[in-house]
Amino acid sequence: MPKISDDDILSSRILLVDDDPVNLQVAVNHLRSDRVTVTPVTSGREALALLDRGVHFDLVLLDIMMPGIDGFETCRRLKADPHTADIPVVFMTALTDTKDKVKGFEVGGVDYVTKPIQHEEVLARVNSQLTIQKQQRKLAEQNEQLEKMSQDLAENNEQLERLNASKDRFFSIISHDLKN
């Protein structure tokens, strides 16, 4: 049976939200690996509370039809919070109507999987989203490094311009003294 790829994914954390304990257990068994931690919760409220406490996740797998806060509203709230807006949300639901799928993307979901779930498909989608997350983090780190290098170069350039101006003044003085 396929597993989550460990090649490019280091210590990923998945938040799994579904009100059905059987669905949670089956999904946890299929997703968990040495480098992937799966945290199951049974409601949107519970998921939001975890994230509000600052617990970090790389991916949220979210059911839509849940009592209380449904998956659409949970996703809306995640995307409205700057601390959680970048976490990709994959809907896993029994809703198969096109309008529901479109709504899932409109509220901020990055993917939509319908139940009954094909585990190989879910693993492939999870792998791709975790890989995208990792690549985005790498790009952000590289952008930070490039920005720092650019600032360092600008500072060095200013220093060289000051030194060049000092050299020009020095040569001007020497030239003046030699003429005299």
N, C-alpha and C. Protein backbone atom coordinates (compact mmCIF):
# COMPACT_ATOMS: atom_id res chain seq x y z
N MET A 1 0.84 -1.18 0.00
CA MET A 1 0.00 0.00 0.00
C MET A 1 0.89 1.25 0.00
N PRO A 2 0.59 2.29 -0.81
CA PRO A 2 1.41 3.49 -0.86
C PRO A 2 1.39 4.21 0.48
N LYS A 3 2.48 4.87 0.76
CA LYS A 3 2.60 5.66 1.98
C LYS A 3 2.94 7.09 1.58
N ILE A 4 2.87 7.98 2.54
CA ILE A 4 3.30 9.35 2.29
C ILE A 4 4.79 9.31 2.03
N SER A 5 5.21 9.99 0.98
CA SER A 5 6.61 10.00 0.59
C SER A 5 7.44 10.73 1.63
N ASP A 6 8.50 10.07 2.09
CA ASP A 6 9.39 10.69 3.06
C ASP A 6 10.56 11.40 2.41
N ASP A 7 10.70 11.27 1.08
CA ASP A 7 11.86 11.84 0.39
C ASP A 7 11.97 13.34 0.58
N ASP A 8 10.88 14.06 0.34
CA ASP A 8 10.92 15.51 0.38
C ASP A 8 10.20 16.11 1.57
N ILE A 9 9.62 15.29 2.43
CA ILE A 9 8.79 15.80 3.50
C ILE A 9 9.45 15.49 4.83
N LEU A 10 9.80 16.55 5.54
CA LEU A 10 10.45 16.38 6.83
C LEU A 10 9.51 16.84 7.93
N SER A 11 9.16 15.98 8.84
CA SER A 11 8.37 16.31 10.01
C SER A 11 7.13 17.13 9.68
N SER A 12 6.31 16.62 8.81
CA SER A 12 5.07 17.31 8.45
C SER A 12 3.99 17.01 9.48
N ARG A 13 3.13 18.01 9.68
CA ARG A 13 2.01 17.87 10.62
C ARG A 13 0.70 18.10 9.88
N ILE A 14 -0.20 17.13 10.00
CA ILE A 14 -1.50 17.20 9.34
C ILE A 14 -2.58 17.29 10.41
N LEU A 15 -3.49 18.24 10.23
CA LEU A 15 -4.67 18.34 11.08
C LEU A 15 -5.83 17.70 10.32
N LEU A 16 -6.41 16.68 10.90
CA LEU A 16 -7.50 15.92 10.28
C LEU A 16 -8.78 16.22 11.04
N VAL A 17 -9.77 16.80 10.33
CA VAL A 17 -11.02 17.23 10.98
C VAL A 17 -12.19 16.48 10.37
N ASP A 18 -12.83 15.65 11.19
CA ASP A 18 -14.00 14.88 10.73
C ASP A 18 -14.81 14.51 11.98
N ASP A 19 -16.13 14.66 11.91
CA ASP A 19 -16.95 14.36 13.07
C ASP A 19 -17.22 12.87 13.26
N ASP A 20 -16.82 12.05 12.30
CA ASP A 20 -17.03 10.61 12.38
C ASP A 20 -15.75 9.93 12.88
N PRO A 21 -15.77 9.38 14.10
CA PRO A 21 -14.57 8.75 14.67
C PRO A 21 -14.01 7.61 13.81
N VAL A 22 -14.88 6.88 13.13
CA VAL A 22 -14.42 5.78 12.27
C VAL A 22 -13.61 6.35 11.10
N ASN A 23 -14.15 7.40 10.45
CA ASN A 23 -13.41 8.05 9.36
C ASN A 23 -12.06 8.56 9.85
N LEU A 24 -12.05 9.16 11.04
CA LEU A 24 -10.80 9.67 11.60
C LEU A 24 -9.77 8.56 11.76
N GLN A 25 -10.19 7.44 12.36
CA GLN A 25 -9.24 6.36 12.63
C GLN A 25 -8.70 5.75 11.35
N VAL A 26 -9.57 5.55 10.37
CA VAL A 26 -9.13 4.98 9.09
C VAL A 26 -8.12 5.92 8.42
N ALA A 27 -8.44 7.21 8.39
CA ALA A 27 -7.55 8.17 7.75
C ALA A 27 -6.22 8.28 8.49
N VAL A 28 -6.27 8.30 9.80
CA VAL A 28 -5.03 8.37 10.60
C VAL A 28 -4.15 7.18 10.28
N ASN A 29 -4.72 6.00 10.23
CA ASN A 29 -3.94 4.79 9.94
C ASN A 29 -3.28 4.85 8.58
N HIS A 30 -3.92 5.46 7.60
CA HIS A 30 -3.37 5.53 6.26
C HIS A 30 -2.36 6.67 6.08
N LEU A 31 -2.49 7.72 6.87
CA LEU A 31 -1.65 8.90 6.68
C LEU A 31 -0.39 8.92 7.54
N ARG A 32 -0.48 8.34 8.71
CA ARG A 32 0.62 8.43 9.67
C ARG A 32 1.85 7.68 9.15
N SER A 33 3.02 8.31 9.31
CA SER A 33 4.29 7.66 8.96
C SER A 33 5.35 8.16 9.94
N ASP A 34 6.60 7.74 9.72
CA ASP A 34 7.68 8.15 10.61
C ASP A 34 7.87 9.66 10.63
N ARG A 35 7.62 10.30 9.49
CA ARG A 35 7.88 11.73 9.38
C ARG A 35 6.61 12.58 9.32
N VAL A 36 5.47 11.95 9.46
CA VAL A 36 4.21 12.69 9.39
C VAL A 36 3.42 12.43 10.66
N THR A 37 3.02 13.51 11.32
CA THR A 37 2.19 13.43 12.50
C THR A 37 0.78 13.86 12.12
N VAL A 38 -0.18 13.05 12.46
CA VAL A 38 -1.58 13.36 12.17
C VAL A 38 -2.29 13.62 13.49
N THR A 39 -2.93 14.79 13.57
CA THR A 39 -3.71 15.15 14.76
C THR A 39 -5.18 15.14 14.38
N PRO A 40 -5.94 14.17 14.90
CA PRO A 40 -7.38 14.11 14.58
C PRO A 40 -8.19 14.94 15.57
N VAL A 41 -9.17 15.68 15.04
CA VAL A 41 -10.14 16.39 15.87
C VAL A 41 -11.52 16.17 15.26
N THR A 42 -12.57 16.31 16.08
CA THR A 42 -13.91 15.95 15.64
C THR A 42 -14.81 17.13 15.31
N SER A 43 -14.28 18.36 15.29
CA SER A 43 -15.14 19.50 14.95
C SER A 43 -14.29 20.67 14.45
N GLY A 44 -14.97 21.54 13.71
CA GLY A 44 -14.30 22.76 13.25
C GLY A 44 -13.89 23.63 14.42
N ARG A 45 -14.73 23.70 15.44
CA ARG A 45 -14.42 24.50 16.64
C ARG A 45 -13.13 24.01 17.31
N GLU A 46 -13.00 22.69 17.42
CA GLU A 46 -11.81 22.09 18.03
C GLU A 46 -10.57 22.40 17.19
N ALA A 47 -10.71 22.33 15.87
CA ALA A 47 -9.58 22.63 14.97
C ALA A 47 -9.15 24.08 15.13
N LEU A 48 -10.12 24.99 15.13
CA LEU A 48 -9.79 26.42 15.26
C LEU A 48 -9.16 26.72 16.62
N ALA A 49 -9.64 26.05 17.67
CA ALA A 49 -9.07 26.25 19.00
C ALA A 49 -7.60 25.82 19.04
N LEU A 50 -7.29 24.68 18.43
CA LEU A 50 -5.90 24.21 18.36
C LEU A 50 -5.02 25.25 17.65
N LEU A 51 -5.49 25.72 16.52
CA LEU A 51 -4.72 26.68 15.73
C LEU A 51 -4.60 28.02 16.46
N ASP A 52 -5.64 28.42 17.19
CA ASP A 52 -5.59 29.67 17.96
C ASP A 52 -4.55 29.59 19.06
N ARG A 53 -4.30 28.39 19.56
CA ARG A 53 -3.27 28.21 20.61
C ARG A 53 -1.87 28.21 20.02
N GLY A 54 -1.77 28.35 18.70
CA GLY A 54 -0.46 28.43 18.07
C GLY A 54 0.12 27.11 17.63
N VAL A 55 -0.67 26.03 17.67
CA VAL A 55 -0.18 24.74 17.18
C VAL A 55 -0.06 24.85 15.66
N HIS A 56 1.09 24.47 15.14
CA HIS A 56 1.36 24.62 13.70
C HIS A 56 1.04 23.34 12.95
N PHE A 57 0.40 23.51 11.78
CA PHE A 57 0.14 22.37 10.89
C PHE A 57 0.56 22.75 9.48
N ASP A 58 1.00 21.75 8.72
CA ASP A 58 1.41 21.95 7.33
C ASP A 58 0.26 21.74 6.36
N LEU A 59 -0.80 21.06 6.83
CA LEU A 59 -1.92 20.73 5.96
C LEU A 59 -3.14 20.45 6.82
N VAL A 60 -4.32 20.85 6.33
CA VAL A 60 -5.57 20.53 7.00
C VAL A 60 -6.42 19.70 6.05
N LEU A 61 -6.84 18.53 6.52
CA LEU A 61 -7.81 17.69 5.80
C LEU A 61 -9.14 17.89 6.52
N LEU A 62 -10.13 18.41 5.78
CA LEU A 62 -11.32 18.93 6.44
C LEU A 62 -12.61 18.38 5.84
N ASP A 63 -13.43 17.77 6.70
CA ASP A 63 -14.76 17.34 6.29
C ASP A 63 -15.63 18.59 6.22
N ILE A 64 -16.69 18.55 5.43
CA ILE A 64 -17.57 19.72 5.31
C ILE A 64 -18.79 19.59 6.21
N MET A 65 -19.46 18.45 6.16
CA MET A 65 -20.71 18.29 6.91
C MET A 65 -20.41 17.88 8.35
N MET A 66 -20.37 18.90 9.22
CA MET A 66 -20.13 18.65 10.64
C MET A 66 -21.10 19.52 11.44
N PRO A 67 -21.50 19.06 12.62
CA PRO A 67 -22.37 19.90 13.44
C PRO A 67 -21.60 21.13 13.95
N GLY A 68 -22.33 22.17 14.26
CA GLY A 68 -21.68 23.40 14.71
C GLY A 68 -21.11 24.14 13.52
N ILE A 69 -19.82 24.36 13.53
CA ILE A 69 -19.16 25.05 12.43
C ILE A 69 -18.86 24.04 11.34
N ASP A 70 -19.44 24.25 10.15
CA ASP A 70 -19.17 23.30 9.07
C ASP A 70 -17.78 23.55 8.48
N GLY A 71 -17.38 22.68 7.56
CA GLY A 71 -16.05 22.77 6.97
C GLY A 71 -15.83 24.05 6.18
N PHE A 72 -16.86 24.51 5.47
CA PHE A 72 -16.72 25.75 4.70
C PHE A 72 -16.40 26.93 5.63
N GLU A 73 -17.14 27.04 6.73
CA GLU A 73 -16.93 28.14 7.67
C GLU A 73 -15.58 27.99 8.37
N THR A 74 -15.20 26.77 8.71
CA THR A 74 -13.90 26.53 9.33
C THR A 74 -12.79 27.02 8.40
N CYS A 75 -12.89 26.66 7.13
CA CYS A 75 -11.89 27.08 6.15
C CYS A 75 -11.88 28.60 6.00
N ARG A 76 -13.05 29.21 5.93
CA ARG A 76 -13.15 30.67 5.83
C ARG A 76 -12.39 31.34 6.98
N ARG A 77 -12.60 30.83 8.18
CA ARG A 77 -11.94 31.42 9.36
C ARG A 77 -10.43 31.20 9.33
N LEU A 78 -10.01 30.02 8.86
CA LEU A 78 -8.57 29.76 8.74
C LEU A 78 -7.93 30.76 7.78
N LYS A 79 -8.59 30.98 6.65
CA LYS A 79 -8.03 31.85 5.61
C LYS A 79 -8.09 33.32 6.01
N ALA A 80 -8.99 33.68 6.93
CA ALA A 80 -9.11 35.06 7.39
C ALA A 80 -8.04 35.42 8.42
N ASP A 81 -7.45 34.42 9.05
CA ASP A 81 -6.43 34.65 10.08
C ASP A 81 -5.05 34.65 9.43
N PRO A 82 -4.28 35.74 9.56
CA PRO A 82 -2.95 35.79 8.93
C PRO A 82 -2.00 34.69 9.41
N HIS A 83 -2.21 34.17 10.61
CA HIS A 83 -1.34 33.12 11.13
C HIS A 83 -1.61 31.76 10.50
N THR A 84 -2.82 31.57 9.97
CA THR A 84 -3.19 30.27 9.41
C THR A 84 -3.57 30.33 7.92
N ALA A 85 -3.55 31.51 7.35
CA ALA A 85 -4.02 31.70 5.97
C ALA A 85 -3.22 30.88 4.96
N ASP A 86 -1.95 30.62 5.24
CA ASP A 86 -1.10 29.90 4.29
C ASP A 86 -1.19 28.38 4.39
N ILE A 87 -1.92 27.87 5.37
CA ILE A 87 -2.03 26.42 5.51
C ILE A 87 -3.00 25.91 4.44
N PRO A 88 -2.56 24.98 3.59
CA PRO A 88 -3.47 24.45 2.58
C PRO A 88 -4.56 23.59 3.22
N VAL A 89 -5.78 23.73 2.67
CA VAL A 89 -6.92 22.96 3.16
C VAL A 89 -7.42 22.07 2.02
N VAL A 90 -7.49 20.77 2.32
CA VAL A 90 -8.04 19.80 1.38
C VAL A 90 -9.35 19.31 1.97
N PHE A 91 -10.44 19.52 1.24
CA PHE A 91 -11.74 19.04 1.69
C PHE A 91 -11.86 17.55 1.37
N MET A 92 -12.37 16.78 2.35
CA MET A 92 -12.66 15.35 2.16
C MET A 92 -14.10 15.16 2.62
N THR A 93 -15.01 15.01 1.66
CA THR A 93 -16.42 15.05 1.98
C THR A 93 -17.25 14.15 1.09
N ALA A 94 -18.47 13.88 1.54
CA ALA A 94 -19.41 13.10 0.73
C ALA A 94 -20.17 14.00 -0.25
N LEU A 95 -20.04 15.31 -0.13
CA LEU A 95 -20.71 16.23 -1.04
C LEU A 95 -20.05 16.16 -2.41
N THR A 96 -20.84 15.77 -3.41
CA THR A 96 -20.27 15.58 -4.75
C THR A 96 -20.79 16.57 -5.78
N ASP A 97 -21.71 17.44 -5.38
CA ASP A 97 -22.28 18.40 -6.30
C ASP A 97 -21.24 19.45 -6.71
N THR A 98 -21.26 19.85 -7.96
CA THR A 98 -20.28 20.81 -8.46
C THR A 98 -20.32 22.11 -7.68
N LYS A 99 -21.52 22.58 -7.30
CA LYS A 99 -21.61 23.84 -6.56
C LYS A 99 -20.89 23.75 -5.20
N ASP A 100 -20.91 22.58 -4.58
CA ASP A 100 -20.19 22.39 -3.32
C ASP A 100 -18.67 22.42 -3.56
N LYS A 101 -18.25 21.78 -4.63
CA LYS A 101 -16.81 21.79 -4.97
C LYS A 101 -16.33 23.21 -5.23
N VAL A 102 -17.11 23.94 -6.02
CA VAL A 102 -16.75 25.33 -6.34
C VAL A 102 -16.71 26.16 -5.06
N LYS A 103 -17.70 25.98 -4.19
CA LYS A 103 -17.72 26.71 -2.92
C LYS A 103 -16.47 26.39 -2.09
N GLY A 104 -16.06 25.12 -2.12
CA GLY A 104 -14.85 24.73 -1.39
C GLY A 104 -13.62 25.50 -1.86
N PHE A 105 -13.51 25.67 -3.16
CA PHE A 105 -12.38 26.44 -3.70
C PHE A 105 -12.55 27.93 -3.41
N GLU A 106 -13.77 28.42 -3.45
CA GLU A 106 -14.02 29.84 -3.19
C GLU A 106 -13.69 30.24 -1.77
N VAL A 107 -13.90 29.34 -0.81
CA VAL A 107 -13.59 29.68 0.59
C VAL A 107 -12.12 29.47 0.92
N GLY A 108 -11.34 28.95 -0.04
CA GLY A 108 -9.89 28.84 0.18
C GLY A 108 -9.30 27.46 0.13
N GLY A 109 -10.09 26.45 -0.17
CA GLY A 109 -9.54 25.10 -0.27
C GLY A 109 -8.63 24.97 -1.48
N VAL A 110 -7.63 24.10 -1.37
CA VAL A 110 -6.71 23.87 -2.49
C VAL A 110 -7.01 22.58 -3.23
N ASP A 111 -7.84 21.72 -2.62
CA ASP A 111 -8.19 20.46 -3.27
C ASP A 111 -9.49 19.96 -2.66
N TYR A 112 -10.11 19.00 -3.33
CA TYR A 112 -11.42 18.51 -2.93
C TYR A 112 -11.49 17.03 -3.27
N VAL A 113 -11.66 16.19 -2.27
CA VAL A 113 -11.73 14.74 -2.45
C VAL A 113 -13.10 14.29 -1.97
N THR A 114 -13.76 13.46 -2.78
CA THR A 114 -15.09 12.99 -2.39
C THR A 114 -15.03 11.60 -1.77
N LYS A 115 -15.94 11.38 -0.83
CA LYS A 115 -16.07 10.07 -0.17
C LYS A 115 -17.00 9.22 -1.00
N PRO A 116 -16.84 7.92 -1.04
CA PRO A 116 -15.85 7.16 -0.29
C PRO A 116 -14.44 7.45 -0.82
N ILE A 117 -13.55 7.56 0.11
CA ILE A 117 -12.19 7.98 -0.21
C ILE A 117 -11.37 6.82 -0.76
N GLN A 118 -10.65 7.13 -1.82
CA GLN A 118 -9.66 6.20 -2.37
C GLN A 118 -8.33 6.56 -1.72
N HIS A 119 -7.82 5.70 -0.88
CA HIS A 119 -6.66 6.04 -0.06
C HIS A 119 -5.43 6.41 -0.89
N GLU A 120 -5.21 5.73 -2.00
CA GLU A 120 -4.05 6.04 -2.84
C GLU A 120 -4.17 7.46 -3.40
N GLU A 121 -5.39 7.85 -3.77
CA GLU A 121 -5.63 9.20 -4.29
C GLU A 121 -5.36 10.24 -3.20
N VAL A 122 -5.87 9.99 -2.01
CA VAL A 122 -5.65 10.93 -0.90
C VAL A 122 -4.16 11.06 -0.60
N LEU A 123 -3.47 9.94 -0.56
CA LEU A 123 -2.02 9.99 -0.29
C LEU A 123 -1.29 10.78 -1.37
N ALA A 124 -1.67 10.60 -2.61
CA ALA A 124 -1.04 11.36 -3.70
C ALA A 124 -1.31 12.85 -3.54
N ARG A 125 -2.53 13.19 -3.19
CA ARG A 125 -2.88 14.62 -3.02
C ARG A 125 -2.18 15.22 -1.80
N VAL A 126 -2.12 14.46 -0.72
CA VAL A 126 -1.42 14.92 0.48
C VAL A 126 0.07 15.10 0.16
N ASN A 127 0.66 14.13 -0.51
CA ASN A 127 2.07 14.24 -0.89
C ASN A 127 2.32 15.51 -1.69
N SER A 128 1.47 15.76 -2.68
CA SER A 128 1.70 16.93 -3.53
C SER A 128 1.55 18.22 -2.73
N GLN A 129 0.57 18.29 -1.85
CA GLN A 129 0.38 19.52 -1.05
C GLN A 129 1.54 19.73 -0.06
N LEU A 130 2.00 18.65 0.56
CA LEU A 130 3.13 18.79 1.50
C LEU A 130 4.41 19.18 0.75
N THR A 131 4.59 18.63 -0.45
CA THR A 131 5.75 18.99 -1.26
C THR A 131 5.68 20.45 -1.67
N ILE A 132 4.50 20.90 -2.07
CA ILE A 132 4.33 22.32 -2.41
C ILE A 132 4.64 23.20 -1.20
N GLN A 133 4.15 22.81 -0.03
CA GLN A 133 4.44 23.57 1.19
C GLN A 133 5.94 23.66 1.44
N LYS A 134 6.62 22.53 1.30
CA LYS A 134 8.06 22.51 1.53
C LYS A 134 8.77 23.42 0.54
N GLN A 135 8.38 23.36 -0.72
CA GLN A 135 9.01 24.20 -1.75
C GLN A 135 8.73 25.68 -1.50
N GLN A 136 7.53 26.00 -1.05
CA GLN A 136 7.20 27.39 -0.74
C GLN A 136 8.06 27.90 0.42
N ARG A 137 8.26 27.05 1.42
CA ARG A 137 9.13 27.45 2.55
C ARG A 137 10.56 27.68 2.07
N LYS A 138 11.05 26.77 1.22
CA LYS A 138 12.41 26.93 0.68
C LYS A 138 12.53 28.24 -0.09
N LEU A 139 11.53 28.53 -0.92
CA LEU A 139 11.54 29.78 -1.69
C LEU A 139 11.53 30.99 -0.77
N ALA A 140 10.72 30.94 0.28
CA ALA A 140 10.66 32.05 1.23
C ALA A 140 12.01 32.24 1.91
N GLU A 141 12.64 31.15 2.30
CA GLU A 141 13.97 31.24 2.93
C GLU A 141 14.99 31.81 1.94
N GLN A 142 14.95 31.34 0.71
CA GLN A 142 15.89 31.85 -0.30
C GLN A 142 15.63 33.33 -0.59
N ASN A 143 14.36 33.73 -0.60
CA ASN A 143 14.05 35.14 -0.81
C ASN A 143 14.58 36.00 0.34
N GLU A 144 14.47 35.49 1.56
CA GLU A 144 15.02 36.20 2.71
C GLU A 144 16.54 36.34 2.59
N GLN A 145 17.20 35.25 2.19
CA GLN A 145 18.65 35.29 2.01
C GLN A 145 19.04 36.28 0.92
N LEU A 146 18.30 36.26 -0.20
CA LEU A 146 18.59 37.19 -1.29
C LEU A 146 18.37 38.63 -0.85
N GLU A 147 17.33 38.86 -0.09
CA GLU A 147 17.07 40.22 0.42
C GLU A 147 18.20 40.69 1.33
N LYS A 148 18.67 39.81 2.20
CA LYS A 148 19.78 40.16 3.08
C LYS A 148 21.04 40.43 2.26
N MET A 149 21.30 39.57 1.27
CA MET A 149 22.48 39.78 0.41
C MET A 149 22.36 41.11 -0.35
N SER A 150 21.16 41.43 -0.80
CA SER A 150 20.94 42.69 -1.51
C SER A 150 21.19 43.88 -0.59
N GLN A 151 20.73 43.79 0.65
CA GLN A 151 20.99 44.85 1.62
C GLN A 151 22.48 44.97 1.91
N ASP A 152 23.16 43.83 2.06
CA ASP A 152 24.61 43.85 2.30
C ASP A 152 25.34 44.49 1.13
N LEU A 153 24.93 44.13 -0.09
CA LEU A 153 25.56 44.72 -1.28
C LEU A 153 25.32 46.22 -1.35
N ALA A 154 24.13 46.65 -1.01
CA ALA A 154 23.83 48.09 -1.01
C ALA A 154 24.69 48.81 0.02
N GLU A 155 24.84 48.22 1.21
CA GLU A 155 25.70 48.82 2.24
C GLU A 155 27.15 48.86 1.78
N ASN A 156 27.62 47.77 1.17
CA ASN A 156 29.00 47.73 0.66
C ASN A 156 29.19 48.77 -0.45
N ASN A 157 28.19 48.92 -1.30
CA ASN A 157 28.26 49.89 -2.38
C ASN A 157 28.36 51.31 -1.81
N GLU A 158 27.56 51.62 -0.80
CA GLU A 158 27.62 52.94 -0.15
C GLU A 158 29.01 53.16 0.44
N GLN A 159 29.54 52.15 1.09
CA GLN A 159 30.87 52.26 1.69
C GLN A 159 31.93 52.49 0.61
N LEU A 160 31.83 51.76 -0.50
CA LEU A 160 32.77 51.95 -1.61
C LEU A 160 32.66 53.36 -2.20
N GLU A 161 31.45 53.87 -2.32
CA GLU A 161 31.26 55.23 -2.83
C GLU A 161 31.90 56.25 -1.89
N ARG A 162 31.75 56.06 -0.58
CA ARG A 162 32.39 56.96 0.39
C ARG A 162 33.91 56.88 0.28
N LEU A 163 34.41 55.64 0.17
CA LEU A 163 35.86 55.48 0.04
C LEU A 163 36.37 56.09 -1.27
N ASN A 164 35.62 55.92 -2.34
CA ASN A 164 35.99 56.49 -3.63
C ASN A 164 36.01 58.02 -3.54
N ALA A 165 35.01 58.60 -2.86
CA ALA A 165 34.96 60.05 -2.69
C ALA A 165 36.17 60.51 -1.86
N SER A 166 36.52 59.76 -0.83
CA SER A 166 37.70 60.10 -0.01
C SER A 166 38.96 60.03 -0.85
N LYS A 167 39.06 59.00 -1.68
CA LYS A 167 40.22 58.86 -2.58
C LYS A 167 40.31 60.04 -3.52
N ASP A 168 39.16 60.43 -4.11
CA ASP A 168 39.15 61.57 -5.02
C ASP A 168 39.60 62.85 -4.31
N ARG A 169 39.12 63.06 -3.08
CA ARG A 169 39.55 64.26 -2.31
C ARG A 169 41.05 64.20 -2.05
N PHE A 170 41.51 62.99 -1.67
CA PHE A 170 42.94 62.83 -1.38
C PHE A 170 43.79 63.15 -2.63
N PHE A 171 43.40 62.59 -3.79
CA PHE A 171 44.15 62.87 -5.03
C PHE A 171 44.05 64.33 -5.42
N SER A 172 42.92 64.93 -5.16
CA SER A 172 42.75 66.36 -5.46
C SER A 172 43.74 67.18 -4.64
N ILE A 173 43.84 66.82 -3.36
CA ILE A 173 44.78 67.55 -2.48
C ILE A 173 46.21 67.34 -2.95
N ILE A 174 46.56 66.09 -3.28
CA ILE A 174 47.92 65.79 -3.75
C ILE A 174 48.20 66.55 -5.05
N SER A 175 47.25 66.53 -5.96
CA SER A 175 47.41 67.24 -7.24
C SER A 175 47.60 68.73 -6.99
N HIS A 176 46.83 69.30 -6.12
CA HIS A 176 46.95 70.73 -5.79
C HIS A 176 48.31 71.04 -5.21
N ASP A 177 48.75 70.15 -4.26
CA ASP A 177 50.06 70.35 -3.63
C ASP A 177 51.18 70.21 -4.65
N LEU A 178 51.08 69.28 -5.58
CA LEU A 178 52.12 69.10 -6.59
C LEU A 178 52.18 70.31 -7.52
N LYS A 179 51.04 70.91 -7.85
CA LYS A 179 51.05 72.10 -8.69
C LYS A 179 51.73 73.26 -7.99
N ASN A 180 51.54 73.35 -6.69
CA ASN A 180 52.17 74.42 -5.93
C ASN A 180 53.63 74.13 -5.78
